[in-house]
Amino acid sequence: MIRVAVIGAAGYTGGEAIRLLLGHPHVGEQNIVAVSRSHDGQPLHIAHDDLYGRTSLFFVGGLADAAPVDVCILCLGYGASSIWLKDNPEASGCIVIDLGNDHRIESSAHSFVYGLPEVHRDRIRSARRIANPGCFATAIQLALIPLAETKQITNDVVVNAITGSTGAGQQPIATTHYSWRNNNVNTYKVFEHQHEPEIKQTLGDIPLFFVPLRGPFARGIHATCVLPGTWKAADVEAVYRSRYANHPFVVVCDGPPDMKRVVNTNLCHVGFVVKDNALMVVSVIDNLLKGASGQAIQNMNIACGFDERDGLQLKSSVY
């Protein structure tokens, strides 16, 4: 068994990490440390009311309040992870998995490995510092990796990706207010989204035109990638099925998938359509699981030598 601290445990991604760890065969309730300064001393159900009656754990105010841990999962806001690591030297001896954006671009300035298992599984196995990919970045990279690695992206790639309101975090803002979000869709950060650099770090400097959208639902991402050119459906399918044959959380579908089939799971479903002079690839994930906390547990499993699927055998709610 290992002991895991969730830092920023009162937020959406922190709550998801705790839910997964409660059912993890190598962790379990007594080996979870839920750290939240704002909820110090309170029972977990104060922030996550679905945990009422499921756990008797209480939040603690800091890592120093708990026994040494084996893994720290950082569920903090943008720019906060670096500050937290400087202020908490006691985390130096454990595996750190950062869900923030501080360390996603690999650099000599830090030792974090980019934690996309479908690309860096072998490096993650020996890593002590892992930077979890962003949610949009995960969906888009998994949609395009087979084509990028086989040098088939030679023209512009136009990506329209729509995300649920939980992608904005737990603190209410104008664009997560029900009266604004319901029955509404809008674009934002067009051609300048913060996930673009990590996408190009993996795929190369491809001609990417990324249009993010906010959708009128709580969770999930649906990414549509359009690539002009001459394609053969059989060849595209063969490339995708070969590339993802040994990756348990990526499913290559017979056609474009809908988002609901993956919400509440750590799965990414990928499908495509070839017609005339274009290829459309659709990728769907749950932004809080495969796009955040689920992928963090997947990375933890790999780094700790567990089965990659441990604690992640989840069911979607399709109706």
C-alpha atoms as a PDB file:
ATOM      1  CA  MET A   1       0.000   0.000   0.000  1.00  0.00           C
ATOM      2  CA  ILE A   2       1.077   3.601  -0.601  1.00  0.00           C
ATOM      3  CA  ARG A   3       0.117   6.851   1.111  1.00  0.00           C
ATOM      4  CA  VAL A   4      -1.118   9.668  -1.149  1.00  0.00           C
ATOM      5  CA  ALA A   5      -1.639  13.363  -0.417  1.00  0.00           C
ATOM      6  CA  VAL A   6      -4.070  15.377  -2.534  1.00  0.00           C
ATOM      7  CA  ILE A   7      -3.113  19.055  -2.364  1.00  0.00           C
ATOM      8  CA  GLY A   8      -6.035  21.370  -3.106  1.00  0.00           C
ATOM      9  CA  ALA A   9      -8.421  18.579  -2.189  1.00  0.00           C
ATOM     10  CA  ALA A  10     -11.550  20.748  -1.922  1.00  0.00           C
ATOM     11  CA  GLY A  11     -11.725  21.585  -5.657  1.00  0.00           C
ATOM     12  CA  TYR A  12     -13.147  19.644  -8.577  1.00  0.00           C
ATOM     13  CA  THR A  13      -9.967  17.799  -9.545  1.00  0.00           C
ATOM     14  CA  GLY A  14      -9.055  17.248  -5.889  1.00  0.00           C
ATOM     15  CA  GLY A  15     -12.454  15.698  -5.251  1.00  0.00           C
ATOM     16  CA  GLU A  16     -12.142  13.445  -8.279  1.00  0.00           C
ATOM     17  CA  ALA A  17      -8.691  12.291  -7.141  1.00  0.00           C
ATOM     18  CA  ILE A  18     -10.056  11.427  -3.691  1.00  0.00           C
ATOM     19  CA  ARG A  19     -12.976   9.462  -5.149  1.00  0.00           C
ATOM     20  CA  LEU A  20     -10.589   7.403  -7.266  1.00  0.00           C
ATOM     21  CA  LEU A  21      -8.143   6.839  -4.399  1.00  0.00           C
ATOM     22  CA  LEU A  22     -10.913   5.644  -2.058  1.00  0.00           C
ATOM     23  CA  GLY A  23     -11.475   2.698  -4.391  1.00  0.00           C
ATOM     24  CA  HIS A  24      -7.852   2.139  -5.369  1.00  0.00           C
ATOM     25  CA  PRO A  25      -6.540  -1.344  -4.451  1.00  0.00           C
ATOM     26  CA  HIS A  26      -3.128   0.055  -3.405  1.00  0.00           C
ATOM     27  CA  VAL A  27      -4.344   3.117  -1.482  1.00  0.00           C
ATOM     28  CA  GLY A  28      -7.727   3.098   0.259  1.00  0.00           C
ATOM     29  CA  GLU A  29      -9.268   5.444   2.806  1.00  0.00           C
ATOM     30  CA  GLN A  30      -6.677   5.323   5.587  1.00  0.00           C
ATOM     31  CA  ASN A  31      -3.837   6.169   3.200  1.00  0.00           C
ATOM     32  CA  ILE A  32      -5.341   9.381   1.806  1.00  0.00           C
ATOM     33  CA  VAL A  33      -4.283  12.809   3.057  1.00  0.00           C
ATOM     34  CA  ALA A  34      -6.716  15.502   1.878  1.00  0.00           C
ATOM     35  CA  VAL A  35      -4.997  18.890   2.131  1.00  0.00           C
ATOM     36  CA  SER A  36      -7.020  22.110   1.962  1.00  0.00           C
ATOM     37  CA  ARG A  37      -6.198  25.305   3.852  1.00  0.00           C
ATOM     38  CA  SER A  38      -9.714  26.664   3.324  1.00  0.00           C
ATOM     39  CA  HIS A  39     -11.354  23.515   4.768  1.00  0.00           C
ATOM     40  CA  ASP A  40      -8.837  22.575   7.461  1.00  0.00           C
ATOM     41  CA  GLY A  41     -10.455  20.372  10.115  1.00  0.00           C
ATOM     42  CA  GLN A  42     -13.722  19.891   8.240  1.00  0.00           C
ATOM     43  CA  PRO A  43     -15.076  16.535   7.031  1.00  0.00           C
ATOM     44  CA  LEU A  44     -14.671  15.880   3.322  1.00  0.00           C
ATOM     45  CA  HIS A  45     -18.417  15.966   2.665  1.00  0.00           C
ATOM     46  CA  ILE A  46     -18.473  19.694   3.424  1.00  0.00           C
ATOM     47  CA  ALA A  47     -16.790  20.232   0.030  1.00  0.00           C
ATOM     48  CA  HIS A  48     -17.874  16.995  -1.691  1.00  0.00           C
ATOM     49  CA  ASP A  49     -21.371  16.155  -0.495  1.00  0.00           C
ATOM     50  CA  ASP A  50     -21.512  12.917  -2.477  1.00  0.00           C
ATOM     51  CA  LEU A  51     -18.895  11.581  -0.021  1.00  0.00           C
ATOM     52  CA  TYR A  52     -21.342  11.920   2.896  1.00  0.00           C
ATOM     53  CA  GLY A  53     -21.387   8.521   4.598  1.00  0.00           C
ATOM     54  CA  ARG A  54     -18.700   7.122   2.315  1.00  0.00           C
ATOM     55  CA  THR A  55     -15.646   8.303   4.246  1.00  0.00           C
ATOM     56  CA  SER A  56     -14.824   9.586   7.716  1.00  0.00           C
ATOM     57  CA  LEU A  57     -11.772  11.537   6.530  1.00  0.00           C
ATOM     58  CA  PHE A  58     -11.192  15.181   7.464  1.00  0.00           C
ATOM     59  CA  PHE A  59      -9.274  17.836   5.574  1.00  0.00           C
ATOM     60  CA  VAL A  60      -5.901  18.896   6.997  1.00  0.00           C
ATOM     61  CA  GLY A  61      -4.383  22.309   6.502  1.00  0.00           C
ATOM     62  CA  GLY A  62      -0.980  21.255   5.211  1.00  0.00           C
ATOM     63  CA  LEU A  63       1.270  18.362   4.334  1.00  0.00           C
ATOM     64  CA  ALA A  64       3.285  18.911   7.519  1.00  0.00           C
ATOM     65  CA  ASP A  65       0.153  17.946   9.485  1.00  0.00           C
ATOM     66  CA  ALA A  66       0.280  14.372   8.147  1.00  0.00           C
ATOM     67  CA  ALA A  67       2.717  11.482   8.222  1.00  0.00           C
ATOM     68  CA  PRO A  68       5.203  11.170   5.328  1.00  0.00           C
ATOM     69  CA  VAL A  69       3.576  10.308   2.013  1.00  0.00           C
ATOM     70  CA  ASP A  70       4.691   8.412  -1.088  1.00  0.00           C
ATOM     71  CA  VAL A  71       2.848  10.502  -3.690  1.00  0.00           C
ATOM     72  CA  CYS A  72       1.634  14.124  -3.810  1.00  0.00           C
ATOM     73  CA  ILE A  73      -1.026  15.036  -6.369  1.00  0.00           C
ATOM     74  CA  LEU A  74      -1.110  18.810  -6.835  1.00  0.00           C
ATOM     75  CA  CYS A  75      -4.615  20.045  -7.712  1.00  0.00           C
ATOM     76  CA  LEU A  76      -3.792  23.728  -7.584  1.00  0.00           C
ATOM     77  CA  GLY A  77      -4.498  26.746  -9.757  1.00  0.00           C
ATOM     78  CA  TYR A  78      -2.252  27.942 -12.550  1.00  0.00           C
ATOM     79  CA  GLY A  79       1.086  29.134 -11.252  1.00  0.00           C
ATOM     80  CA  ALA A  80       0.493  27.794  -7.731  1.00  0.00           C
ATOM     81  CA  SER A  81       2.351  24.481  -7.973  1.00  0.00           C
ATOM     82  CA  SER A  82       5.834  25.980  -8.129  1.00  0.00           C
ATOM     83  CA  ILE A  83       5.097  28.140  -5.095  1.00  0.00           C
ATOM     84  CA  TRP A  84       3.721  25.179  -3.151  1.00  0.00           C
ATOM     85  CA  LEU A  85       6.797  23.045  -3.899  1.00  0.00           C
ATOM     86  CA  LYS A  86       9.103  25.794  -2.655  1.00  0.00           C
ATOM     87  CA  ASP A  87       7.064  26.169   0.527  1.00  0.00           C
ATOM     88  CA  ASN A  88       6.852  22.418   1.210  1.00  0.00           C
ATOM     89  CA  PRO A  89      10.333  20.867   1.149  1.00  0.00           C
ATOM     90  CA  GLU A  90       8.907  17.774   2.863  1.00  0.00           C
ATOM     91  CA  ALA A  91       7.533  16.778  -0.572  1.00  0.00           C
ATOM     92  CA  SER A  92      11.051  16.392  -1.981  1.00  0.00           C
ATOM     93  CA  GLY A  93      11.190  12.688  -1.128  1.00  0.00           C
ATOM     94  CA  CYS A  94       7.954  11.623  -2.804  1.00  0.00           C
ATOM     95  CA  ILE A  95       6.566  11.327  -6.323  1.00  0.00           C
ATOM     96  CA  VAL A  96       4.866  14.589  -7.345  1.00  0.00           C
ATOM     97  CA  ILE A  97       2.150  14.701  -9.993  1.00  0.00           C
ATOM     98  CA  ASP A  98       1.266  18.273 -10.960  1.00  0.00           C
ATOM     99  CA  LEU A  99      -2.137  18.956 -12.518  1.00  0.00           C
ATOM    100  CA  GLY A 100      -1.274  22.634 -13.014  1.00  0.00           C
ATOM    101  CA  ASN A 101       0.441  24.209 -16.001  1.00  0.00           C
ATOM    102  CA  ASP A 102       3.711  25.145 -14.287  1.00  0.00           C
ATOM    103  CA  HIS A 103       5.813  22.250 -15.573  1.00  0.00           C
ATOM    104  CA  ARG A 104       4.165  20.971 -18.764  1.00  0.00           C
ATOM    105  CA  ILE A 105       6.792  22.428 -21.072  1.00  0.00           C
ATOM    106  CA  GLU A 106       9.886  20.317 -20.511  1.00  0.00           C
ATOM    107  CA  SER A 107      12.953  22.372 -19.646  1.00  0.00           C
ATOM    108  CA  SER A 108      16.374  22.183 -18.048  1.00  0.00           C
ATOM    109  CA  ALA A 109      14.922  24.468 -15.377  1.00  0.00           C
ATOM    110  CA  HIS A 110      12.934  21.592 -13.833  1.00  0.00           C
ATOM    111  CA  SER A 111      12.896  17.787 -13.736  1.00  0.00           C
ATOM    112  CA  PHE A 112       9.247  17.143 -14.587  1.00  0.00           C
ATOM    113  CA  VAL A 113       8.388  14.558 -17.262  1.00  0.00           C
ATOM    114  CA  TYR A 114       5.383  15.356 -19.444  1.00  0.00           C
ATOM    115  CA  GLY A 115       2.815  12.824 -18.271  1.00  0.00           C
ATOM    116  CA  LEU A 116       0.982  11.699 -21.382  1.00  0.00           C
ATOM    117  CA  PRO A 117       1.193   7.894 -20.912  1.00  0.00           C
ATOM    118  CA  GLU A 118       0.432   7.145 -24.547  1.00  0.00           C
ATOM    119  CA  VAL A 119       3.725   8.875 -25.456  1.00  0.00           C
ATOM    120  CA  HIS A 120       5.957   8.838 -22.378  1.00  0.00           C
ATOM    121  CA  ARG A 121       5.012   5.657 -20.502  1.00  0.00           C
ATOM    122  CA  ASP A 122       8.617   4.412 -20.304  1.00  0.00           C
ATOM    123  CA  ARG A 123       9.873   7.730 -18.914  1.00  0.00           C
ATOM    124  CA  ILE A 124       6.986   7.967 -16.447  1.00  0.00           C
ATOM    125  CA  ARG A 125       7.962   4.579 -14.972  1.00  0.00           C
ATOM    126  CA  SER A 126      11.139   6.041 -13.501  1.00  0.00           C
ATOM    127  CA  ALA A 127       9.948   9.636 -12.982  1.00  0.00           C
ATOM    128  CA  ARG A 128       9.722  11.350  -9.603  1.00  0.00           C
ATOM    129  CA  ARG A 129       8.178  14.511 -11.037  1.00  0.00           C
ATOM    130  CA  ILE A 130       5.302  14.227 -13.521  1.00  0.00           C
ATOM    131  CA  ALA A 131       3.454  17.109 -15.220  1.00  0.00           C
ATOM    132  CA  ASN A 132      -0.095  16.053 -16.018  1.00  0.00           C
ATOM    133  CA  PRO A 133      -1.251  17.265 -19.468  1.00  0.00           C
ATOM    134  CA  GLY A 134      -4.032  19.806 -19.850  1.00  0.00           C
ATOM    135  CA  CYS A 135      -7.528  18.574 -20.684  1.00  0.00           C
ATOM    136  CA  PHE A 136      -7.821  20.113 -24.164  1.00  0.00           C
ATOM    137  CA  ALA A 137      -4.219  19.097 -24.846  1.00  0.00           C
ATOM    138  CA  THR A 138      -4.962  15.470 -23.945  1.00  0.00           C
ATOM    139  CA  ALA A 139      -7.971  15.227 -26.252  1.00  0.00           C
ATOM    140  CA  ILE A 140      -6.257  16.941 -29.189  1.00  0.00           C
ATOM    141  CA  GLN A 141      -2.959  15.095 -28.878  1.00  0.00           C
ATOM    142  CA  LEU A 142      -4.646  11.696 -28.707  1.00  0.00           C
ATOM    143  CA  ALA A 143      -6.669  12.636 -31.791  1.00  0.00           C
ATOM    144  CA  LEU A 144      -3.585  13.531 -33.830  1.00  0.00           C
ATOM    145  CA  ILE A 145      -0.603  11.547 -32.490  1.00  0.00           C
ATOM    146  CA  PRO A 146      -0.920   8.667 -35.010  1.00  0.00           C
ATOM    147  CA  LEU A 147      -0.871  11.118 -37.925  1.00  0.00           C
ATOM    148  CA  ALA A 148       1.893  13.324 -36.510  1.00  0.00           C
ATOM    149  CA  GLU A 149       4.191  10.388 -35.768  1.00  0.00           C
ATOM    150  CA  THR A 150       3.777   9.034 -39.306  1.00  0.00           C
ATOM    151  CA  LYS A 151       4.431  12.494 -40.828  1.00  0.00           C
ATOM    152  CA  GLN A 152       0.976  12.739 -42.375  1.00  0.00           C
ATOM    153  CA  ILE A 153       0.121  16.227 -41.108  1.00  0.00           C
ATOM    154  CA  THR A 154       1.306  18.345 -44.008  1.00  0.00           C
ATOM    155  CA  ASN A 155      -1.516  20.895 -44.246  1.00  0.00           C
ATOM    156  CA  ASP A 156      -3.404  23.082 -41.807  1.00  0.00           C
ATOM    157  CA  VAL A 157      -5.244  21.395 -38.932  1.00  0.00           C
ATOM    158  CA  VAL A 158      -8.406  23.131 -37.732  1.00  0.00           C
ATOM    159  CA  VAL A 159      -9.557  22.015 -34.276  1.00  0.00           C
ATOM    160  CA  ASN A 160     -12.873  22.962 -32.710  1.00  0.00           C
ATOM    161  CA  ALA A 161     -13.091  21.633 -29.155  1.00  0.00           C
ATOM    162  CA  ILE A 162     -15.938  22.233 -26.734  1.00  0.00           C
ATOM    163  CA  THR A 163     -15.636  21.776 -22.974  1.00  0.00           C
ATOM    164  CA  GLY A 164     -17.954  21.656 -19.980  1.00  0.00           C
ATOM    165  CA  SER A 165     -18.168  24.236 -17.227  1.00  0.00           C
ATOM    166  CA  THR A 166     -16.097  22.184 -14.745  1.00  0.00           C
ATOM    167  CA  GLY A 167     -13.063  22.978 -16.888  1.00  0.00           C
ATOM    168  CA  ALA A 168     -13.149  26.488 -15.410  1.00  0.00           C
ATOM    169  CA  GLY A 169     -12.705  25.217 -11.852  1.00  0.00           C
ATOM    170  CA  GLN A 170     -14.910  25.305  -8.778  1.00  0.00           C
ATOM    171  CA  GLN A 171     -14.913  29.047  -8.046  1.00  0.00           C
ATOM    172  CA  PRO A 172     -17.953  30.614  -9.745  1.00  0.00           C
ATOM    173  CA  ILE A 173     -17.277  33.123 -12.511  1.00  0.00           C
ATOM    174  CA  ALA A 174     -19.513  34.886 -15.018  1.00  0.00           C
ATOM    175  CA  THR A 175     -19.092  32.226 -17.721  1.00  0.00           C
ATOM    176  CA  THR A 176     -20.001  29.345 -15.380  1.00  0.00           C
ATOM    177  CA  HIS A 177     -23.160  31.022 -14.061  1.00  0.00           C
ATOM    178  CA  TYR A 178     -26.174  28.844 -14.949  1.00  0.00           C
ATOM    179  CA  SER A 179     -28.168  31.644 -16.518  1.00  0.00           C
ATOM    180  CA  TRP A 180     -25.279  32.421 -18.894  1.00  0.00           C
ATOM    181  CA  ARG A 181     -24.013  28.921 -19.606  1.00  0.00           C
ATOM    182  CA  ASN A 182     -27.343  27.151 -20.086  1.00  0.00           C
ATOM    183  CA  ASN A 183     -28.530  26.999 -23.712  1.00  0.00           C
ATOM    184  CA  ASN A 184     -25.393  28.845 -24.782  1.00  0.00           C
ATOM    185  CA  VAL A 185     -22.124  28.189 -26.649  1.00  0.00           C
ATOM    186  CA  ASN A 186     -19.247  30.620 -27.214  1.00  0.00           C
ATOM    187  CA  THR A 187     -15.645  30.719 -28.354  1.00  0.00           C
ATOM    188  CA  TYR A 188     -12.779  31.981 -26.188  1.00  0.00           C
ATOM    189  CA  LYS A 189      -8.983  32.314 -26.386  1.00  0.00           C
ATOM    190  CA  VAL A 190      -9.194  31.628 -30.127  1.00  0.00           C
ATOM    191  CA  PHE A 191      -5.761  30.768 -31.626  1.00  0.00           C
ATOM    192  CA  GLU A 192      -4.059  31.576 -28.289  1.00  0.00           C
ATOM    193  CA  HIS A 193      -5.143  28.961 -25.785  1.00  0.00           C
ATOM    194  CA  GLN A 194      -2.580  28.106 -23.097  1.00  0.00           C
ATOM    195  CA  HIS A 195      -2.594  24.412 -24.063  1.00  0.00           C
ATOM    196  CA  GLU A 196      -1.222  25.016 -27.563  1.00  0.00           C
ATOM    197  CA  PRO A 197       2.493  24.969 -26.573  1.00  0.00           C
ATOM    198  CA  GLU A 198       2.229  21.536 -24.969  1.00  0.00           C
ATOM    199  CA  ILE A 199       0.310  20.206 -27.971  1.00  0.00           C
ATOM    200  CA  LYS A 200       3.106  21.331 -30.283  1.00  0.00           C
ATOM    201  CA  GLN A 201       5.726  20.001 -27.873  1.00  0.00           C
ATOM    202  CA  THR A 202       4.312  16.527 -28.573  1.00  0.00           C
ATOM    203  CA  LEU A 203       3.128  16.796 -32.172  1.00  0.00           C
ATOM    204  CA  GLY A 204       5.800  19.126 -33.524  1.00  0.00           C
ATOM    205  CA  ASP A 205       5.265  22.603 -34.879  1.00  0.00           C
ATOM    206  CA  ILE A 206       2.210  21.661 -36.909  1.00  0.00           C
ATOM    207  CA  PRO A 207       0.004  24.364 -38.528  1.00  0.00           C
ATOM    208  CA  LEU A 208      -2.643  24.217 -35.788  1.00  0.00           C
ATOM    209  CA  PHE A 209      -5.685  26.496 -35.678  1.00  0.00           C
ATOM    210  CA  PHE A 210      -7.393  25.791 -32.370  1.00  0.00           C
ATOM    211  CA  VAL A 211     -10.834  27.187 -31.564  1.00  0.00           C
ATOM    212  CA  PRO A 212     -11.913  26.403 -27.968  1.00  0.00           C
ATOM    213  CA  LEU A 213     -15.585  26.619 -27.052  1.00  0.00           C
ATOM    214  CA  ARG A 214     -17.570  26.644 -23.808  1.00  0.00           C
ATOM    215  CA  GLY A 215     -20.538  24.285 -23.823  1.00  0.00           C
ATOM    216  CA  PRO A 216     -23.833  24.137 -21.876  1.00  0.00           C
ATOM    217  CA  PHE A 217     -22.924  21.014 -19.891  1.00  0.00           C
ATOM    218  CA  ALA A 218     -20.873  20.253 -16.779  1.00  0.00           C
ATOM    219  CA  ARG A 219     -18.143  17.866 -17.887  1.00  0.00           C
ATOM    220  CA  GLY A 220     -16.572  16.406 -21.003  1.00  0.00           C
ATOM    221  CA  ILE A 221     -14.619  17.512 -24.074  1.00  0.00           C
ATOM    222  CA  HIS A 222     -15.540  16.898 -27.710  1.00  0.00           C
ATOM    223  CA  ALA A 223     -12.689  17.765 -30.094  1.00  0.00           C
ATOM    224  CA  THR A 224     -13.187  17.832 -33.868  1.00  0.00           C
ATOM    225  CA  CYS A 225     -10.004  17.963 -35.965  1.00  0.00           C
ATOM    226  CA  VAL A 226     -10.284  18.648 -39.700  1.00  0.00           C
ATOM    227  CA  LEU A 227      -7.322  17.947 -41.991  1.00  0.00           C
ATOM    228  CA  PRO A 228      -7.524  18.774 -45.721  1.00  0.00           C
ATOM    229  CA  GLY A 229      -5.885  16.356 -48.136  1.00  0.00           C
ATOM    230  CA  THR A 230      -6.335  13.013 -49.837  1.00  0.00           C
ATOM    231  CA  TRP A 231      -6.858  10.152 -47.395  1.00  0.00           C
ATOM    232  CA  LYS A 232      -7.818   6.477 -47.545  1.00  0.00           C
ATOM    233  CA  ALA A 233     -10.112   5.346 -44.754  1.00  0.00           C
ATOM    234  CA  ALA A 234      -8.551   1.872 -44.502  1.00  0.00           C
ATOM    235  CA  ASP A 235      -5.067   3.321 -44.172  1.00  0.00           C
ATOM    236  CA  VAL A 236      -6.126   5.832 -41.519  1.00  0.00           C
ATOM    237  CA  GLU A 237      -7.878   3.128 -39.511  1.00  0.00           C
ATOM    238  CA  ALA A 238      -4.839   0.842 -39.697  1.00  0.00           C
ATOM    239  CA  VAL A 239      -2.543   3.612 -38.409  1.00  0.00           C
ATOM    240  CA  TYR A 240      -4.826   4.399 -35.461  1.00  0.00           C
ATOM    241  CA  ARG A 241      -5.509   0.810 -34.465  1.00  0.00           C
ATOM    242  CA  SER A 242      -1.817  -0.074 -34.622  1.00  0.00           C
ATOM    243  CA  ARG A 243      -0.753   2.998 -32.637  1.00  0.00           C
ATOM    244  CA  TYR A 244      -3.198   2.472 -29.782  1.00  0.00           C
ATOM    245  CA  ALA A 245      -3.245  -1.339 -29.642  1.00  0.00           C
ATOM    246  CA  ASN A 246      -1.309  -1.407 -26.356  1.00  0.00           C
ATOM    247  CA  HIS A 247      -2.932   1.586 -24.668  1.00  0.00           C
ATOM    248  CA  PRO A 248      -5.852   0.503 -22.469  1.00  0.00           C
ATOM    249  CA  PHE A 249      -7.567   3.876 -22.186  1.00  0.00           C
ATOM    250  CA  VAL A 250      -7.713   4.832 -25.871  1.00  0.00           C
ATOM    251  CA  VAL A 251     -10.467   3.194 -27.899  1.00  0.00           C
ATOM    252  CA  VAL A 252     -10.504   3.501 -31.698  1.00  0.00           C
ATOM    253  CA  CYS A 253     -14.131   3.535 -32.828  1.00  0.00           C
ATOM    254  CA  ASP A 254     -15.792   2.622 -36.104  1.00  0.00           C
ATOM    255  CA  GLY A 255     -17.164   6.144 -36.469  1.00  0.00           C
ATOM    256  CA  PRO A 256     -17.143   9.519 -34.704  1.00  0.00           C
ATOM    257  CA  PRO A 257     -17.875   8.982 -30.986  1.00  0.00           C
ATOM    258  CA  ASP A 258     -20.271  10.993 -28.868  1.00  0.00           C
ATOM    259  CA  MET A 259     -19.043  12.530 -25.640  1.00  0.00           C
ATOM    260  CA  LYS A 260     -21.487  10.924 -23.231  1.00  0.00           C
ATOM    261  CA  ARG A 261     -19.982   7.461 -23.672  1.00  0.00           C
ATOM    262  CA  VAL A 262     -16.750   8.551 -21.935  1.00  0.00           C
ATOM    263  CA  VAL A 263     -17.994  10.973 -19.262  1.00  0.00           C
ATOM    264  CA  ASN A 264     -17.209   9.571 -15.781  1.00  0.00           C
ATOM    265  CA  THR A 265     -14.440   7.355 -17.203  1.00  0.00           C
ATOM    266  CA  ASN A 266     -10.713   7.616 -17.909  1.00  0.00           C
ATOM    267  CA  LEU A 267     -11.277   6.637 -21.531  1.00  0.00           C
ATOM    268  CA  CYS A 268     -10.574   8.533 -24.728  1.00  0.00           C
ATOM    269  CA  HIS A 269     -12.649   7.433 -27.722  1.00  0.00           C
ATOM    270  CA  VAL A 270     -11.308   8.365 -31.158  1.00  0.00           C
ATOM    271  CA  GLY A 271     -13.091   7.997 -34.499  1.00  0.00           C
ATOM    272  CA  PHE A 272     -12.926   9.547 -37.949  1.00  0.00           C
ATOM    273  CA  VAL A 273     -14.625  10.239 -41.263  1.00  0.00           C
ATOM    274  CA  VAL A 274     -12.903  10.391 -44.667  1.00  0.00           C
ATOM    275  CA  LYS A 275     -14.778  12.145 -47.462  1.00  0.00           C
ATOM    276  CA  ASP A 276     -13.690  13.865 -50.671  1.00  0.00           C
ATOM    277  CA  ASN A 277     -10.567  15.900 -49.822  1.00  0.00           C
ATOM    278  CA  ALA A 278     -10.610  15.943 -46.043  1.00  0.00           C
ATOM    279  CA  LEU A 279     -10.262  13.838 -42.915  1.00  0.00           C
ATOM    280  CA  MET A 280     -12.199  14.554 -39.711  1.00  0.00           C
ATOM    281  CA  VAL A 281     -10.946  13.029 -36.458  1.00  0.00           C
ATOM    282  CA  VAL A 282     -13.130  13.223 -33.355  1.00  0.00           C
ATOM    283  CA  SER A 283     -11.747  12.692 -29.851  1.00  0.00           C
ATOM    284  CA  VAL A 284     -13.852  12.670 -26.667  1.00  0.00           C
ATOM    285  CA  ILE A 285     -12.771  12.575 -23.013  1.00  0.00           C
ATOM    286  CA  ASP A 286     -13.983  13.511 -19.551  1.00  0.00           C
ATOM    287  CA  ASN A 287     -12.080  16.712 -18.758  1.00  0.00           C
ATOM    288  CA  LEU A 288     -11.929  15.904 -15.017  1.00  0.00           C
ATOM    289  CA  LEU A 289     -10.759  12.292 -15.459  1.00  0.00           C
ATOM    290  CA  LYS A 290      -8.682  11.497 -18.547  1.00  0.00           C
ATOM    291  CA  GLY A 291      -8.161  15.255 -18.789  1.00  0.00           C
ATOM    292  CA  ALA A 292      -7.051  15.623 -15.152  1.00  0.00           C
ATOM    293  CA  SER A 293      -7.418  13.405 -12.069  1.00  0.00           C
ATOM    294  CA  GLY A 294      -7.932  10.078 -13.836  1.00  0.00           C
ATOM    295  CA  GLN A 295      -4.792  10.608 -15.879  1.00  0.00           C
ATOM    296  CA  ALA A 296      -2.971  11.565 -12.667  1.00  0.00           C
ATOM    297  CA  ILE A 297      -3.933   8.208 -11.119  1.00  0.00           C
ATOM    298  CA  GLN A 298      -2.907   6.487 -14.356  1.00  0.00           C
ATOM    299  CA  ASN A 299       0.494   8.186 -14.091  1.00  0.00           C
ATOM    300  CA  MET A 300       0.743   7.261 -10.410  1.00  0.00           C
ATOM    301  CA  ASN A 301       0.065   3.625 -11.279  1.00  0.00           C
ATOM    302  CA  ILE A 302       2.815   3.606 -13.904  1.00  0.00           C
ATOM    303  CA  ALA A 303       5.362   5.377 -11.678  1.00  0.00           C
ATOM    304  CA  CYS A 304       4.621   3.042  -8.741  1.00  0.00           C
ATOM    305  CA  GLY A 305       4.751  -0.145 -10.802  1.00  0.00           C
ATOM    306  CA  PHE A 306       1.043  -0.963 -10.490  1.00  0.00           C
ATOM    307  CA  ASP A 307      -1.287  -2.118 -13.239  1.00  0.00           C
ATOM    308  CA  GLU A 308      -2.051   1.006 -15.270  1.00  0.00           C
ATOM    309  CA  ARG A 309      -5.789   0.348 -14.931  1.00  0.00           C
ATOM    310  CA  ASP A 310      -5.909   0.042 -11.128  1.00  0.00           C
ATOM    311  CA  GLY A 311      -8.628   2.190  -9.610  1.00  0.00           C
ATOM    312  CA  LEU A 312      -9.781   3.318 -13.043  1.00  0.00           C
ATOM    313  CA  GLN A 313     -12.328   0.671 -14.039  1.00  0.00           C
ATOM    314  CA  LEU A 314     -15.120   3.204 -14.263  1.00  0.00           C
ATOM    315  CA  LYS A 315     -18.573   3.250 -15.893  1.00  0.00           C
ATOM    316  CA  SER A 316     -20.029   6.000 -18.020  1.00  0.00           C
ATOM    317  CA  SER A 317     -23.636   7.146 -17.655  1.00  0.00           C
ATOM    318  CA  VAL A 318     -25.091   7.029 -21.148  1.00  0.00           C
ATOM    319  CA  TYR A 319     -28.710   7.472 -20.070  1.00  0.00           C
END
